[in-house]
Amino acid sequence: MQVNQQLLQTIIAILIILAAIIFILFKVVKKIKQPVSGCSGCSSDCNGCELTALKKDIEEAQKRKSMDENSSEKNK
């Protein structure tokens, strides 16, 4: 009886570990196929949102970079 109980415990442990691995793999594949956009699921009106400020800073930096590239091309 002792051997059967140990075997049953081992099988249950393996099933739990396999379920955890499958769950993790599912989450990873989902993240890879459908990356979350910055504001998805957010119910805020974006006032004071750090992500919005960061996006604005990035856009301004890209504009400055393109303006610098255009002005350097004109000077050549």
PDB file of N, CA and C in Angstrom:
ATOM      1  N   MET A   1       0.821  -1.196   0.000  1.00  0.00           N
ATOM      2  CA  MET A   1       0.000   0.000   0.000  1.00  0.00           C
ATOM      3  C   MET A   1       0.865   1.260   0.000  1.00  0.00           C
ATOM      4  N   GLN A   2       1.988   1.193   0.698  1.00  0.00           N
ATOM      5  CA  GLN A   2       2.894   2.339   0.788  1.00  0.00           C
ATOM      6  C   GLN A   2       3.453   2.703  -0.585  1.00  0.00           C
ATOM      7  N   VAL A   3       3.769   1.714  -1.399  1.00  0.00           N
ATOM      8  CA  VAL A   3       4.327   1.961  -2.724  1.00  0.00           C
ATOM      9  C   VAL A   3       3.292   2.629  -3.615  1.00  0.00           C
ATOM     10  N   ASN A   4       2.049   2.194  -3.558  1.00  0.00           N
ATOM     11  CA  ASN A   4       0.997   2.785  -4.372  1.00  0.00           C
ATOM     12  C   ASN A   4       0.766   4.250  -4.012  1.00  0.00           C
ATOM     13  N   GLN A   5       0.839   4.543  -2.725  1.00  0.00           N
ATOM     14  CA  GLN A   5       0.631   5.916  -2.280  1.00  0.00           C
ATOM     15  C   GLN A   5       1.774   6.805  -2.774  1.00  0.00           C
ATOM     16  N   GLN A   6       2.994   6.344  -2.722  1.00  0.00           N
ATOM     17  CA  GLN A   6       4.140   7.115  -3.205  1.00  0.00           C
ATOM     18  C   GLN A   6       4.054   7.315  -4.712  1.00  0.00           C
ATOM     19  N   LEU A   7       3.632   6.269  -5.414  1.00  0.00           N
ATOM     20  CA  LEU A   7       3.478   6.374  -6.859  1.00  0.00           C
ATOM     21  C   LEU A   7       2.404   7.399  -7.210  1.00  0.00           C
ATOM     22  N   LEU A   8       1.310   7.374  -6.483  1.00  0.00           N
ATOM     23  CA  LEU A   8       0.234   8.331  -6.711  1.00  0.00           C
ATOM     24  C   LEU A   8       0.703   9.757  -6.439  1.00  0.00           C
ATOM     25  N   GLN A   9       1.451   9.965  -5.379  1.00  0.00           N
ATOM     26  CA  GLN A   9       1.976  11.292  -5.055  1.00  0.00           C
ATOM     27  C   GLN A   9       2.938  11.777  -6.135  1.00  0.00           C
ATOM     28  N   THR A  10       3.751  10.888  -6.640  1.00  0.00           N
ATOM     29  CA  THR A  10       4.695  11.239  -7.703  1.00  0.00           C
ATOM     30  C   THR A  10       3.948  11.635  -8.970  1.00  0.00           C
ATOM     31  N   ILE A  11       2.936  10.877  -9.326  1.00  0.00           N
ATOM     32  CA  ILE A  11       2.147  11.177 -10.515  1.00  0.00           C
ATOM     33  C   ILE A  11       1.451  12.528 -10.376  1.00  0.00           C
ATOM     34  N   ILE A  12       0.878  12.799  -9.216  1.00  0.00           N
ATOM     35  CA  ILE A  12       0.201  14.082  -8.992  1.00  0.00           C
ATOM     36  C   ILE A  12       1.203  15.233  -9.070  1.00  0.00           C
ATOM     37  N   ALA A  13       2.374  15.049  -8.487  1.00  0.00           N
ATOM     38  CA  ALA A  13       3.401  16.092  -8.538  1.00  0.00           C
ATOM     39  C   ALA A  13       3.828  16.367  -9.980  1.00  0.00           C
ATOM     40  N   ILE A  14       4.008  15.317 -10.751  1.00  0.00           N
ATOM     41  CA  ILE A  14       4.395  15.478 -12.160  1.00  0.00           C
ATOM     42  C   ILE A  14       3.300  16.201 -12.933  1.00  0.00           C
ATOM     43  N   LEU A  15       2.049  15.866 -12.675  1.00  0.00           N
ATOM     44  CA  LEU A  15       0.941  16.534 -13.357  1.00  0.00           C
ATOM     45  C   LEU A  15       0.878  18.025 -13.010  1.00  0.00           C
ATOM     46  N   ILE A  16       1.120  18.347 -11.752  1.00  0.00           N
ATOM     47  CA  ILE A  16       1.121  19.763 -11.347  1.00  0.00           C
ATOM     48  C   ILE A  16       2.262  20.515 -12.027  1.00  0.00           C
ATOM     49  N   ILE A  17       3.429  19.914 -12.078  1.00  0.00           N
ATOM     50  CA  ILE A  17       4.576  20.556 -12.731  1.00  0.00           C
ATOM     51  C   ILE A  17       4.311  20.721 -14.224  1.00  0.00           C
ATOM     52  N   LEU A  18       3.757  19.711 -14.863  1.00  0.00           N
ATOM     53  CA  LEU A  18       3.442  19.818 -16.291  1.00  0.00           C
ATOM     54  C   LEU A  18       2.398  20.909 -16.549  1.00  0.00           C
ATOM     55  N   ALA A  19       1.404  21.012 -15.691  1.00  0.00           N
ATOM     56  CA  ALA A  19       0.389  22.053 -15.843  1.00  0.00           C
ATOM     57  C   ALA A  19       1.026  23.433 -15.719  1.00  0.00           C
ATOM     58  N   ALA A  20       1.945  23.591 -14.775  1.00  0.00           N
ATOM     59  CA  ALA A  20       2.628  24.875 -14.603  1.00  0.00           C
ATOM     60  C   ALA A  20       3.471  25.210 -15.827  1.00  0.00           C
ATOM     61  N   ILE A  21       4.174  24.236 -16.364  1.00  0.00           N
ATOM     62  CA  ILE A  21       5.001  24.463 -17.560  1.00  0.00           C
ATOM     63  C   ILE A  21       4.126  24.835 -18.751  1.00  0.00           C
ATOM     64  N   ILE A  22       3.032  24.145 -18.942  1.00  0.00           N
ATOM     65  CA  ILE A  22       2.116  24.454 -20.048  1.00  0.00           C
ATOM     66  C   ILE A  22       1.551  25.861 -19.888  1.00  0.00           C
ATOM     67  N   PHE A  23       1.186  26.234 -18.668  1.00  0.00           N
ATOM     68  CA  PHE A  23       0.658  27.570 -18.403  1.00  0.00           C
ATOM     69  C   PHE A  23       1.698  28.644 -18.737  1.00  0.00           C
ATOM     70  N   ILE A  24       2.923  28.438 -18.310  1.00  0.00           N
ATOM     71  CA  ILE A  24       3.996  29.401 -18.594  1.00  0.00           C
ATOM     72  C   ILE A  24       4.250  29.505 -20.090  1.00  0.00           C
ATOM     73  N   LEU A  25       4.314  28.379 -20.770  1.00  0.00           N
ATOM     74  CA  LEU A  25       4.533  28.396 -22.217  1.00  0.00           C
ATOM     75  C   LEU A  25       3.394  29.115 -22.932  1.00  0.00           C
ATOM     76  N   PHE A  26       2.175  28.895 -22.498  1.00  0.00           N
ATOM     77  CA  PHE A  26       1.028  29.565 -23.088  1.00  0.00           C
ATOM     78  C   PHE A  26       1.158  31.073 -22.935  1.00  0.00           C
ATOM     79  N   LYS A  27       1.524  31.527 -21.746  1.00  0.00           N
ATOM     80  CA  LYS A  27       1.675  32.962 -21.492  1.00  0.00           C
ATOM     81  C   LYS A  27       2.800  33.562 -22.336  1.00  0.00           C
ATOM     82  N   VAL A  28       3.908  32.855 -22.465  1.00  0.00           N
ATOM     83  CA  VAL A  28       5.043  33.352 -23.253  1.00  0.00           C
ATOM     84  C   VAL A  28       4.662  33.460 -24.724  1.00  0.00           C
ATOM     85  N   VAL A  29       4.027  32.436 -25.260  1.00  0.00           N
ATOM     86  CA  VAL A  29       3.619  32.459 -26.666  1.00  0.00           C
ATOM     87  C   VAL A  29       2.613  33.587 -26.898  1.00  0.00           C
ATOM     88  N   LYS A  30       1.701  33.778 -25.975  1.00  0.00           N
ATOM     89  CA  LYS A  30       0.718  34.854 -26.105  1.00  0.00           C
ATOM     90  C   LYS A  30       1.403  36.217 -26.117  1.00  0.00           C
ATOM     91  N   LYS A  31       2.392  36.415 -25.248  1.00  0.00           N
ATOM     92  CA  LYS A  31       3.127  37.686 -25.209  1.00  0.00           C
ATOM     93  C   LYS A  31       3.888  37.919 -26.504  1.00  0.00           C
ATOM     94  N   ILE A  32       4.453  36.877 -27.050  1.00  0.00           N
ATOM     95  CA  ILE A  32       5.235  37.012 -28.284  1.00  0.00           C
ATOM     96  C   ILE A  32       4.321  37.330 -29.459  1.00  0.00           C
ATOM     97  N   LYS A  33       3.190  36.650 -29.544  1.00  0.00           N
ATOM     98  CA  LYS A  33       2.287  36.848 -30.679  1.00  0.00           C
ATOM     99  C   LYS A  33       1.489  38.135 -30.575  1.00  0.00           C
ATOM    100  N   GLN A  34       1.130  38.542 -29.373  1.00  0.00           N
ATOM    101  CA  GLN A  34       0.310  39.738 -29.177  1.00  0.00           C
ATOM    102  C   GLN A  34       0.906  40.594 -28.069  1.00  0.00           C
ATOM    103  N   PRO A  35       1.964  41.348 -28.386  1.00  0.00           N
ATOM    104  CA  PRO A  35       2.541  42.185 -27.337  1.00  0.00           C
ATOM    105  C   PRO A  35       1.548  43.252 -26.886  1.00  0.00           C
ATOM    106  N   VAL A  36       1.556  43.538 -25.610  1.00  0.00           N
ATOM    107  CA  VAL A  36       0.626  44.502 -25.041  1.00  0.00           C
ATOM    108  C   VAL A  36       1.067  45.907 -25.427  1.00  0.00           C
ATOM    109  N   SER A  37       0.119  46.714 -25.908  1.00  0.00           N
ATOM    110  CA  SER A  37       0.460  48.099 -26.178  1.00  0.00           C
ATOM    111  C   SER A  37       0.501  48.835 -24.857  1.00  0.00           C
ATOM    112  N   GLY A  38       1.113  49.979 -24.852  1.00  0.00           N
ATOM    113  CA  GLY A  38       1.353  50.694 -23.617  1.00  0.00           C
ATOM    114  C   GLY A  38       0.123  51.015 -22.814  1.00  0.00           C
ATOM    115  N   CYS A  39      -0.970  51.343 -23.438  1.00  0.00           N
ATOM    116  CA  CYS A  39      -2.146  51.810 -22.699  1.00  0.00           C
ATOM    117  C   CYS A  39      -3.304  50.814 -22.723  1.00  0.00           C
ATOM    118  N   SER A  40      -3.094  49.637 -23.206  1.00  0.00           N
ATOM    119  CA  SER A  40      -4.217  48.702 -23.254  1.00  0.00           C
ATOM    120  C   SER A  40      -4.635  48.309 -21.852  1.00  0.00           C
ATOM    121  N   GLY A  41      -5.919  48.309 -21.623  1.00  0.00           N
ATOM    122  CA  GLY A  41      -6.451  47.939 -20.326  1.00  0.00           C
ATOM    123  C   GLY A  41      -6.437  49.057 -19.305  1.00  0.00           C
ATOM    124  N   CYS A  42      -5.969  50.221 -19.700  1.00  0.00           N
ATOM    125  CA  CYS A  42      -5.906  51.340 -18.770  1.00  0.00           C
ATOM    126  C   CYS A  42      -7.198  52.144 -18.879  1.00  0.00           C
ATOM    127  N   SER A  43      -7.824  52.412 -17.740  1.00  0.00           N
ATOM    128  CA  SER A  43      -9.078  53.153 -17.766  1.00  0.00           C
ATOM    129  C   SER A  43      -8.873  54.627 -17.455  1.00  0.00           C
ATOM    130  N   SER A  44      -7.643  55.044 -17.338  1.00  0.00           N
ATOM    131  CA  SER A  44      -7.322  56.427 -16.999  1.00  0.00           C
ATOM    132  C   SER A  44      -7.554  57.340 -18.196  1.00  0.00           C
ATOM    133  N   ASP A  45      -7.690  58.630 -17.931  1.00  0.00           N
ATOM    134  CA  ASP A  45      -7.847  59.601 -19.018  1.00  0.00           C
ATOM    135  C   ASP A  45      -6.496  60.104 -19.517  1.00  0.00           C
ATOM    136  N   CYS A  46      -5.404  59.514 -19.052  1.00  0.00           N
ATOM    137  CA  CYS A  46      -4.027  59.771 -19.477  1.00  0.00           C
ATOM    138  C   CYS A  46      -3.441  61.067 -18.912  1.00  0.00           C
ATOM    139  N   ASN A  47      -4.148  61.782 -18.072  1.00  0.00           N
ATOM    140  CA  ASN A  47      -3.565  62.964 -17.449  1.00  0.00           C
ATOM    141  C   ASN A  47      -2.536  62.524 -16.421  1.00  0.00           C
ATOM    142  N   GLY A  48      -1.328  62.974 -16.591  1.00  0.00           N
ATOM    143  CA  GLY A  48      -0.269  62.624 -15.657  1.00  0.00           C
ATOM    144  C   GLY A  48       0.294  61.234 -15.853  1.00  0.00           C
ATOM    145  N   CYS A  49      -0.023  60.606 -16.951  1.00  0.00           N
ATOM    146  CA  CYS A  49       0.480  59.255 -17.218  1.00  0.00           C
ATOM    147  C   CYS A  49       1.947  59.340 -17.629  1.00  0.00           C
ATOM    148  N   GLU A  50       2.790  58.573 -16.961  1.00  0.00           N
ATOM    149  CA  GLU A  50       4.215  58.585 -17.284  1.00  0.00           C
ATOM    150  C   GLU A  50       4.468  58.043 -18.683  1.00  0.00           C
ATOM    151  N   LEU A  51       3.673  57.099 -19.113  1.00  0.00           N
ATOM    152  CA  LEU A  51       3.854  56.520 -20.433  1.00  0.00           C
ATOM    153  C   LEU A  51       3.558  57.543 -21.521  1.00  0.00           C
ATOM    154  N   THR A  52       2.533  58.358 -21.325  1.00  0.00           N
ATOM    155  CA  THR A  52       2.197  59.398 -22.296  1.00  0.00           C
ATOM    156  C   THR A  52       3.327  60.407 -22.381  1.00  0.00           C
ATOM    157  N   ALA A  53       3.871  60.802 -21.255  1.00  0.00           N
ATOM    158  CA  ALA A  53       4.993  61.751 -21.249  1.00  0.00           C
ATOM    159  C   ALA A  53       6.208  61.153 -21.944  1.00  0.00           C
ATOM    160  N   LEU A  54       6.461  59.878 -21.716  1.00  0.00           N
ATOM    161  CA  LEU A  54       7.586  59.213 -22.360  1.00  0.00           C
ATOM    162  C   LEU A  54       7.398  59.162 -23.872  1.00  0.00           C
ATOM    163  N   LYS A  55       6.192  58.830 -24.320  1.00  0.00           N
ATOM    164  CA  LYS A  55       5.910  58.802 -25.756  1.00  0.00           C
ATOM    165  C   LYS A  55       6.130  60.183 -26.372  1.00  0.00           C
ATOM    166  N   LYS A  56       5.700  61.223 -25.672  1.00  0.00           N
ATOM    167  CA  LYS A  56       5.862  62.588 -26.166  1.00  0.00           C
ATOM    168  C   LYS A  56       7.342  62.935 -26.286  1.00  0.00           C
ATOM    169  N   ASP A  57       8.128  62.576 -25.281  1.00  0.00           N
ATOM    170  CA  ASP A  57       9.572  62.833 -25.320  1.00  0.00           C
ATOM    171  C   ASP A  57      10.236  62.105 -26.484  1.00  0.00           C
ATOM    172  N   ILE A  58       9.829  60.866 -26.723  1.00  0.00           N
ATOM    173  CA  ILE A  58      10.400  60.081 -27.822  1.00  0.00           C
ATOM    174  C   ILE A  58      10.052  60.716 -29.165  1.00  0.00           C
ATOM    175  N   GLU A  59       8.799  61.125 -29.326  1.00  0.00           N
ATOM    176  CA  GLU A  59       8.388  61.767 -30.581  1.00  0.00           C
ATOM    177  C   GLU A  59       9.153  63.060 -30.813  1.00  0.00           C
ATOM    178  N   GLU A  60       9.342  63.865 -29.756  1.00  0.00           N
ATOM    179  CA  GLU A  60      10.093  65.114 -29.902  1.00  0.00           C
ATOM    180  C   GLU A  60      11.540  64.839 -30.278  1.00  0.00           C
ATOM    181  N   ALA A  61      12.136  63.826 -29.677  1.00  0.00           N
ATOM    182  CA  ALA A  61      13.517  63.476 -30.000  1.00  0.00           C
ATOM    183  C   ALA A  61      13.637  63.004 -31.453  1.00  0.00           C
ATOM    184  N   GLN A  62      12.651  62.252 -31.924  1.00  0.00           N
ATOM    185  CA  GLN A  62      12.679  61.796 -33.312  1.00  0.00           C
ATOM    186  C   GLN A  62      12.532  62.968 -34.270  1.00  0.00           C
ATOM    187  N   LYS A  63      11.680  63.928 -33.927  1.00  0.00           N
ATOM    188  CA  LYS A  63      11.506  65.109 -34.776  1.00  0.00           C
ATOM    189  C   LYS A  63      12.794  65.909 -34.834  1.00  0.00           C
ATOM    190  N   ARG A  64      13.433  66.097 -33.666  1.00  0.00           N
ATOM    191  CA  ARG A  64      14.694  66.835 -33.642  1.00  0.00           C
ATOM    192  C   ARG A  64      15.753  66.123 -34.460  1.00  0.00           C
ATOM    193  N   LYS A  65      15.804  64.804 -34.363  1.00  0.00           N
ATOM    194  CA  LYS A  65      16.796  64.036 -35.105  1.00  0.00           C
ATOM    195  C   LYS A  65      16.570  64.174 -36.604  1.00  0.00           C
ATOM    196  N   SER A  66      15.307  64.077 -37.031  1.00  0.00           N
ATOM    197  CA  SER A  66      15.026  64.195 -38.463  1.00  0.00           C
ATOM    198  C   SER A  66      15.306  65.619 -38.951  1.00  0.00           C
ATOM    199  N   MET A  67      15.029  66.623 -38.100  1.00  0.00           N
ATOM    200  CA  MET A  67      15.323  68.005 -38.482  1.00  0.00           C
ATOM    201  C   MET A  67      16.830  68.215 -38.591  1.00  0.00           C
ATOM    202  N   ASP A  68      17.594  67.632 -37.685  1.00  0.00           N
ATOM    203  CA  ASP A  68      19.049  67.740 -37.721  1.00  0.00           C
ATOM    204  C   ASP A  68      19.612  67.062 -38.968  1.00  0.00           C
ATOM    205  N   GLU A  69      19.060  65.905 -39.312  1.00  0.00           N
ATOM    206  CA  GLU A  69      19.514  65.189 -40.503  1.00  0.00           C
ATOM    207  C   GLU A  69      19.185  65.993 -41.763  1.00  0.00           C
ATOM    208  N   ASN A  70      17.986  66.594 -41.819  1.00  0.00           N
ATOM    209  CA  ASN A  70      17.602  67.389 -42.971  1.00  0.00           C
ATOM    210  C   ASN A  70      18.483  68.624 -43.096  1.00  0.00           C
ATOM    211  N   SER A  71      18.801  69.280 -42.007  1.00  0.00           N
ATOM    212  CA  SER A  71      19.623  70.495 -42.064  1.00  0.00           C
ATOM    213  C   SER A  71      21.065  70.146 -42.438  1.00  0.00           C
ATOM    214  N   SER A  72      21.561  68.998 -41.994  1.00  0.00           N
ATOM    215  CA  SER A  72      22.924  68.600 -42.353  1.00  0.00           C
ATOM    216  C   SER A  72      23.011  68.212 -43.828  1.00  0.00           C
ATOM    217  N   GLU A  73      21.931  67.649 -44.395  1.00  0.00           N
ATOM    218  CA  GLU A  73      21.924  67.317 -45.804  1.00  0.00           C
ATOM    219  C   GLU A  73      21.896  68.581 -46.657  1.00  0.00           C
ATOM    220  N   LYS A  74      21.194  69.618 -46.206  1.00  0.00           N
ATOM    221  CA  LYS A  74      21.137  70.879 -46.946  1.00  0.00           C
ATOM    222  C   LYS A  74      22.467  71.604 -46.926  1.00  0.00           C
ATOM    223  N   ASN A  75      23.247  71.436 -45.869  1.00  0.00           N
ATOM    224  CA  ASN A  75      24.535  72.106 -45.750  1.00  0.00           C
ATOM    225  C   ASN A  75      25.602  71.476 -46.620  1.00  0.00           C
ATOM    226  N   LYS A  76      25.377  70.294 -47.102  1.00  0.00           N
ATOM    227  CA  LYS A  76      26.387  69.598 -47.934  1.00  0.00           C
ATOM    228  C   LYS A  76      26.440  70.128 -49.321  1.00  0.00           C
TER     229      LYS A  76
END
